[in-house]
C-alpha atoms as a PDB file:
ATOM      1  CA  ALA A   1      51.990  13.886   3.373  1.00  0.00           C
ATOM      2  CA  ALA A   2      52.739  12.645   6.976  1.00  0.00           C
ATOM      3  CA  LEU A   3      48.496  12.862   7.578  1.00  0.00           C
ATOM      4  CA  ASP A   4      47.511  11.158   4.724  1.00  0.00           C
ATOM      5  CA  LYS A   5      49.678   8.136   5.650  1.00  0.00           C
ATOM      6  CA  VAL A   6      47.588   8.637   9.280  1.00  0.00           C
ATOM      7  CA  LYS A   7      44.651   8.594   7.168  1.00  0.00           C
ATOM      8  CA  GLU A   8      44.982   5.186   5.432  1.00  0.00           C
ATOM      9  CA  MET A   9      46.529   3.139   8.383  1.00  0.00           C
ATOM     10  CA  ASN A  10      43.302   5.020  10.446  1.00  0.00           C
ATOM     11  CA  PRO A  11      40.489   6.947   8.793  1.00  0.00           C
ATOM     12  CA  ALA A  12      39.092   7.720  12.003  1.00  0.00           C
ATOM     13  CA  TYR A  13      41.866   8.737  13.987  1.00  0.00           C
ATOM     14  CA  PRO A  14      40.544  12.175  15.863  1.00  0.00           C
ATOM     15  CA  GLY A  15      40.788  15.827  14.365  1.00  0.00           C
ATOM     16  CA  ILE A  16      42.985  14.545  11.472  1.00  0.00           C
ATOM     17  CA  ALA A  17      41.318  16.198   8.805  1.00  0.00           C
ATOM     18  CA  LEU A  18      40.675  19.576  11.099  1.00  0.00           C
ATOM     19  CA  ARG A  19      44.568  19.178  11.212  1.00  0.00           C
ATOM     20  CA  GLN A  20      45.629  18.910   8.150  1.00  0.00           C
ATOM     21  CA  ALA A  21      43.093  21.468   6.299  1.00  0.00           C
ATOM     22  CA  ASN A  22      44.665  23.973   9.301  1.00  0.00           C
ATOM     23  CA  TRP A  23      48.748  22.922   8.092  1.00  0.00           C
ATOM     24  CA  LEU A  24      47.235  23.882   4.493  1.00  0.00           C
ATOM     25  CA  VAL A  25      45.409  26.909   5.348  1.00  0.00           C
ATOM     26  CA  GLN A  26      48.897  27.765   7.242  1.00  0.00           C
ATOM     27  CA  ALA A  27      50.876  27.071   4.107  1.00  0.00           C
ATOM     28  CA  GLY A  28      48.330  29.422   1.767  1.00  0.00           C
ATOM     29  CA  ARG A  29      46.996  26.073   0.162  1.00  0.00           C
ATOM     30  CA  ILE A  30      43.365  26.937   0.949  1.00  0.00           C
ATOM     31  CA  ASP A  31      42.052  25.205  -2.225  1.00  0.00           C
ATOM     32  CA  GLY A  32      43.794  21.749  -0.994  1.00  0.00           C
ATOM     33  CA  ALA A  33      42.180  22.653   2.505  1.00  0.00           C
ATOM     34  CA  VAL A  34      38.868  22.996   1.078  1.00  0.00           C
ATOM     35  CA  GLY A  35      39.212  19.585  -0.475  1.00  0.00           C
ATOM     36  CA  VAL A  36      39.969  17.746   2.717  1.00  0.00           C
ATOM     37  CA  LEU A  37      36.888  19.384   4.523  1.00  0.00           C
ATOM     38  CA  ARG A  38      34.678  19.059   2.048  1.00  0.00           C
ATOM     39  CA  ALA A  39      35.708  15.515   2.560  1.00  0.00           C
ATOM     40  CA  ALA A  40      35.805  15.610   6.076  1.00  0.00           C
ATOM     41  CA  VAL A  41      32.256  16.737   6.254  1.00  0.00           C
ATOM     42  CA  GLN A  42      30.943  14.530   3.403  1.00  0.00           C
ATOM     43  CA  GLY A  43      31.995  12.106   5.375  1.00  0.00           C
ATOM     44  CA  LEU A  44      30.438  12.712   8.633  1.00  0.00           C
ATOM     45  CA  THR A  45      33.579  13.141  10.295  1.00  0.00           C
ATOM     46  CA  VAL A  46      33.874  16.991  10.648  1.00  0.00           C
ATOM     47  CA  GLU A  47      30.721  19.222  11.315  1.00  0.00           C
ATOM     48  CA  PRO A  48      30.292  21.673   8.661  1.00  0.00           C
ATOM     49  CA  ASP A  49      30.414  24.757  10.535  1.00  0.00           C
ATOM     50  CA  ILE A  50      33.927  23.808  12.456  1.00  0.00           C
ATOM     51  CA  ALA A  51      34.867  23.162   8.767  1.00  0.00           C
ATOM     52  CA  ALA A  52      33.754  26.816   7.416  1.00  0.00           C
ATOM     53  CA  GLY A  53      34.707  28.657  10.705  1.00  0.00           C
ATOM     54  CA  LEU A  54      38.672  26.725  10.333  1.00  0.00           C
ATOM     55  CA  LEU A  55      38.618  28.975   7.123  1.00  0.00           C
ATOM     56  CA  PHE A  56      36.524  31.876   8.356  1.00  0.00           C
ATOM     57  CA  ALA A  57      38.851  32.175  10.993  1.00  0.00           C
ATOM     58  CA  ASP A  58      42.240  32.513   9.196  1.00  0.00           C
ATOM     59  CA  ALA A  59      40.262  34.646   6.636  1.00  0.00           C
ATOM     60  CA  TYR A  60      38.999  37.136   9.467  1.00  0.00           C
ATOM     61  CA  ALA A  61      42.162  37.076  11.426  1.00  0.00           C
ATOM     62  CA  ASN A  62      44.966  37.772   8.540  1.00  0.00           C
ATOM     63  CA  GLY A  63      42.335  39.500   6.227  1.00  0.00           C
ATOM     64  CA  ILE A  64      39.614  41.552   7.683  1.00  0.00           C
ATOM     65  CA  ASN A  65      41.501  42.107  10.999  1.00  0.00           C
ATOM     66  CA  LYS A  66      44.872  43.249   8.993  1.00  0.00           C
ATOM     67  CA  GLN A  67      42.187  45.080   5.801  1.00  0.00           C
ATOM     68  CA  ARG A  68      43.424  42.715   3.414  1.00  0.00           C
ATOM     69  CA  TYR A  69      40.220  42.272   1.909  1.00  0.00           C
ATOM     70  CA  SER A  70      41.156  40.231  -0.975  1.00  0.00           C
ATOM     71  CA  TYR A  71      42.895  37.939   1.184  1.00  0.00           C
ATOM     72  CA  ALA A  72      39.373  38.247   3.458  1.00  0.00           C
ATOM     73  CA  ILE A  73      36.649  37.727   0.561  1.00  0.00           C
ATOM     74  CA  SER A  74      38.888  34.593  -0.948  1.00  0.00           C
ATOM     75  CA  GLY A  75      39.358  32.732   2.286  1.00  0.00           C
ATOM     76  CA  ILE A  76      35.313  33.438   3.090  1.00  0.00           C
ATOM     77  CA  GLY A  77      34.725  32.312  -0.847  1.00  0.00           C
ATOM     78  CA  ALA A  78      36.454  28.747   0.561  1.00  0.00           C
ATOM     79  CA  ALA A  79      34.635  28.931   3.600  1.00  0.00           C
ATOM     80  CA  LYS A  80      31.356  29.318   1.741  1.00  0.00           C
ATOM     81  CA  GLN A  81      32.185  25.775  -0.360  1.00  0.00           C
ATOM     82  CA  ILE A  82      31.525  23.675   2.770  1.00  0.00           C
ATOM     83  CA  PRO A  83      28.404  21.824   2.016  1.00  0.00           C
ATOM     84  CA  ASN A  84      25.224  21.952   4.929  1.00  0.00           C
ATOM     85  CA  ALA A  85      26.602  24.379   6.683  1.00  0.00           C
ATOM     86  CA  SER A  86      24.138  26.286   9.447  1.00  0.00           C
ATOM     87  CA  SER A  87      22.041  29.273   8.382  1.00  0.00           C
ATOM     88  CA  LYS A  88      23.487  30.310  11.415  1.00  0.00           C
ATOM     89  CA  MET A  89      27.332  30.466   9.695  1.00  0.00           C
ATOM     90  CA  THR A  90      26.474  30.699   6.323  1.00  0.00           C
ATOM     91  CA  SER A  91      24.795  34.047   7.812  1.00  0.00           C
ATOM     92  CA  GLN A  92      27.935  35.229   9.430  1.00  0.00           C
ATOM     93  CA  LEU A  93      29.869  34.502   6.664  1.00  0.00           C
ATOM     94  CA  ASN A  94      27.524  36.422   4.085  1.00  0.00           C
ATOM     95  CA  PHE A  95      28.013  39.296   6.423  1.00  0.00           C
ATOM     96  CA  TRP A  96      31.698  39.378   6.426  1.00  0.00           C
ATOM     97  CA  HIS A  97      31.876  38.235   2.699  1.00  0.00           C
ATOM     98  CA  ALA A  98      29.359  42.051   1.681  1.00  0.00           C
ATOM     99  CA  PHE A  99      31.612  43.609   4.472  1.00  0.00           C
ATOM    100  CA  ALA A 100      35.139  42.641   2.673  1.00  0.00           C
ATOM    101  CA  LEU A 101      33.952  43.937  -0.841  1.00  0.00           C
ATOM    102  CA  TYR A 102      32.538  47.291   1.107  1.00  0.00           C
ATOM    103  CA  MET A 103      35.342  48.023   2.331  1.00  0.00           C
ATOM    104  CA  GLY A 104      37.717  47.399  -0.002  1.00  0.00           C
ATOM    105  CA  ALA A 105      35.768  49.265  -3.017  1.00  0.00           C
ATOM    106  CA  VAL A 106      35.961  51.789  -0.133  1.00  0.00           C
ATOM    107  CA  ALA A 107      39.619  52.305  -0.385  1.00  0.00           C
ATOM    108  CA  GLU A 108      40.242  51.538  -4.181  1.00  0.00           C
ATOM    109  CA  GLN A 109      37.719  54.098  -5.427  1.00  0.00           C
ATOM    110  CA  GLU A 110      39.671  56.667  -3.182  1.00  0.00           C
ATOM    111  CA  PRO A 111      41.195  58.564  -6.074  1.00  0.00           C
ATOM    112  CA  GLN A 112      37.675  58.975  -7.481  1.00  0.00           C
ATOM    113  CA  THR A 113      38.518  58.162 -11.239  1.00  0.00           C
ATOM    114  CA  LEU A 114      36.653  56.685 -14.104  1.00  0.00           C
ATOM    115  CA  GLU A 115      38.876  53.375 -14.017  1.00  0.00           C
ATOM    116  CA  THR A 116      38.498  52.835 -10.061  1.00  0.00           C
ATOM    117  CA  ALA A 117      34.834  53.893 -10.351  1.00  0.00           C
ATOM    118  CA  ARG A 118      34.898  51.086 -13.047  1.00  0.00           C
ATOM    119  CA  ALA A 119      36.844  48.940 -11.030  1.00  0.00           C
ATOM    120  CA  THR A 120      34.523  49.199  -7.907  1.00  0.00           C
ATOM    121  CA  LEU A 121      31.086  49.355  -9.325  1.00  0.00           C
ATOM    122  CA  PRO A 122      30.796  45.614  -9.346  1.00  0.00           C
ATOM    123  CA  LYS A 123      32.218  45.182  -5.941  1.00  0.00           C
ATOM    124  CA  PHE A 124      29.465  47.481  -4.302  1.00  0.00           C
ATOM    125  CA  GLN A 125      26.733  46.111  -6.310  1.00  0.00           C
ATOM    126  CA  GLN A 126      28.077  42.590  -5.396  1.00  0.00           C
ATOM    127  CA  ALA A 127      27.797  43.900  -1.806  1.00  0.00           C
ATOM    128  CA  ILE A 128      23.892  44.851  -1.835  1.00  0.00           C
ATOM    129  CA  GLN A 129      23.309  41.571  -2.897  1.00  0.00           C
ATOM    130  CA  ILE A 130      24.752  40.176  -0.021  1.00  0.00           C
ATOM    131  CA  PHE A 131      24.394  42.267   2.697  1.00  0.00           C
ATOM    132  CA  PRO A 132      20.530  40.984   3.081  1.00  0.00           C
ATOM    133  CA  LEU A 133      21.762  37.565   3.180  1.00  0.00           C
ATOM    134  CA  ALA A 134      23.289  38.445   6.211  1.00  0.00           C
ATOM    135  CA  ARG A 135      19.814  39.097   8.380  1.00  0.00           C
ATOM    136  CA  GLU A 136      19.855  36.568  10.515  1.00  0.00           C
ATOM    137  CA  TYR A 137      23.562  37.010  11.804  1.00  0.00           C
ATOM    138  CA  ALA A 138      23.709  41.036  11.833  1.00  0.00           C
ATOM    139  CA  ALA A 139      20.247  40.742  14.039  1.00  0.00           C
ATOM    140  CA  THR A 140      22.644  39.087  16.903  1.00  0.00           C
ATOM    141  CA  GLN A 141      25.558  41.786  16.313  1.00  0.00           C
ATOM    142  CA  GLN A 142      24.237  45.171  18.332  1.00  0.00           C
ATOM    143  CA  SER A 143      27.407  46.906  16.619  1.00  0.00           C
ATOM    144  CA  ILE A 144      26.201  46.119  12.968  1.00  0.00           C
ATOM    145  CA  ASN A 145      23.507  48.330  11.398  1.00  0.00           C
ATOM    146  CA  LEU A 146      22.896  46.197   8.110  1.00  0.00           C
ATOM    147  CA  ASN A 147      20.596  48.797   6.853  1.00  0.00           C
ATOM    148  CA  GLN A 148      23.078  51.474   6.985  1.00  0.00           C
ATOM    149  CA  PHE A 149      25.565  49.183   4.953  1.00  0.00           C
ATOM    150  CA  LEU A 150      22.789  48.665   2.235  1.00  0.00           C
ATOM    151  CA  THR A 151      22.294  52.371   2.746  1.00  0.00           C
ATOM    152  CA  ASN A 152      25.755  53.950   2.135  1.00  0.00           C
ATOM    153  CA  ALA A 153      26.791  51.054  -0.417  1.00  0.00           C
ATOM    154  CA  GLN A 154      23.965  52.460  -2.246  1.00  0.00           C
ATOM    155  CA  THR A 155      25.838  55.664  -1.774  1.00  0.00           C
ATOM    156  CA  TYR A 156      29.256  54.585  -3.562  1.00  0.00           C
ATOM    157  CA  VAL A 157      26.841  52.800  -6.099  1.00  0.00           C
ATOM    158  CA  GLU A 158      25.103  56.194  -7.398  1.00  0.00           C
ATOM    159  CA  ILE A 159      28.916  58.014  -6.930  1.00  0.00           C
ATOM    160  CA  GLN A 160      30.381  55.642  -9.477  1.00  0.00           C
ATOM    161  CA  GLU A 161      27.895  55.719 -11.383  1.00  0.00           C
ATOM    162  CA  ALA A 162      27.857  59.582 -11.832  1.00  0.00           C
ATOM    163  CA  ILE A 163      31.888  59.088 -12.522  1.00  0.00           C
ATOM    164  CA  ILE A 164      31.423  56.879 -14.383  1.00  0.00           C
ATOM    165  CA  LYS A 165      28.888  58.907 -16.808  1.00  0.00           C
ATOM    166  CA  ARG A 166      30.966  61.495 -16.514  1.00  0.00           C
ATOM    167  CA  GLY A 167      34.006  60.176 -18.135  1.00  0.00           C
ATOM    168  CA  ARG A 168      32.210  59.059 -20.989  1.00  0.00           C
END
């Protein structure tokens, strides 16, 4: 509310949208942060990659790093809502989105029951669809073997499909 008042008094106040979005993220109000950042990008007061990067940084730090993949997926999904992000940023977001889907599904499928196979099959399939959209980012990262992720995800799809077929 205080930052809204500052924006009323001086809409061009430096960094106001980023500060407000950061506070919203810290408060767990990601949707509110997306709204603030989208408006700032459309109003040309914040660069799209900086706005997406703010959301991605939280998703990475509090999701990927802590193996809280659902949190990461949600935060990265929010970052992907920022308009006009560069292809480099979009590719990076796509990689980590697919990675979070894949790693979350790997952990979730572990009991290898009919229920876990049904729950994780769509996640592996979605990761397979998103990983190719990350080629630009993966090409700049020596530690990322995108083809290996795709191969592994396809293997998991086949395993989940076999479990589902056997379970019927």
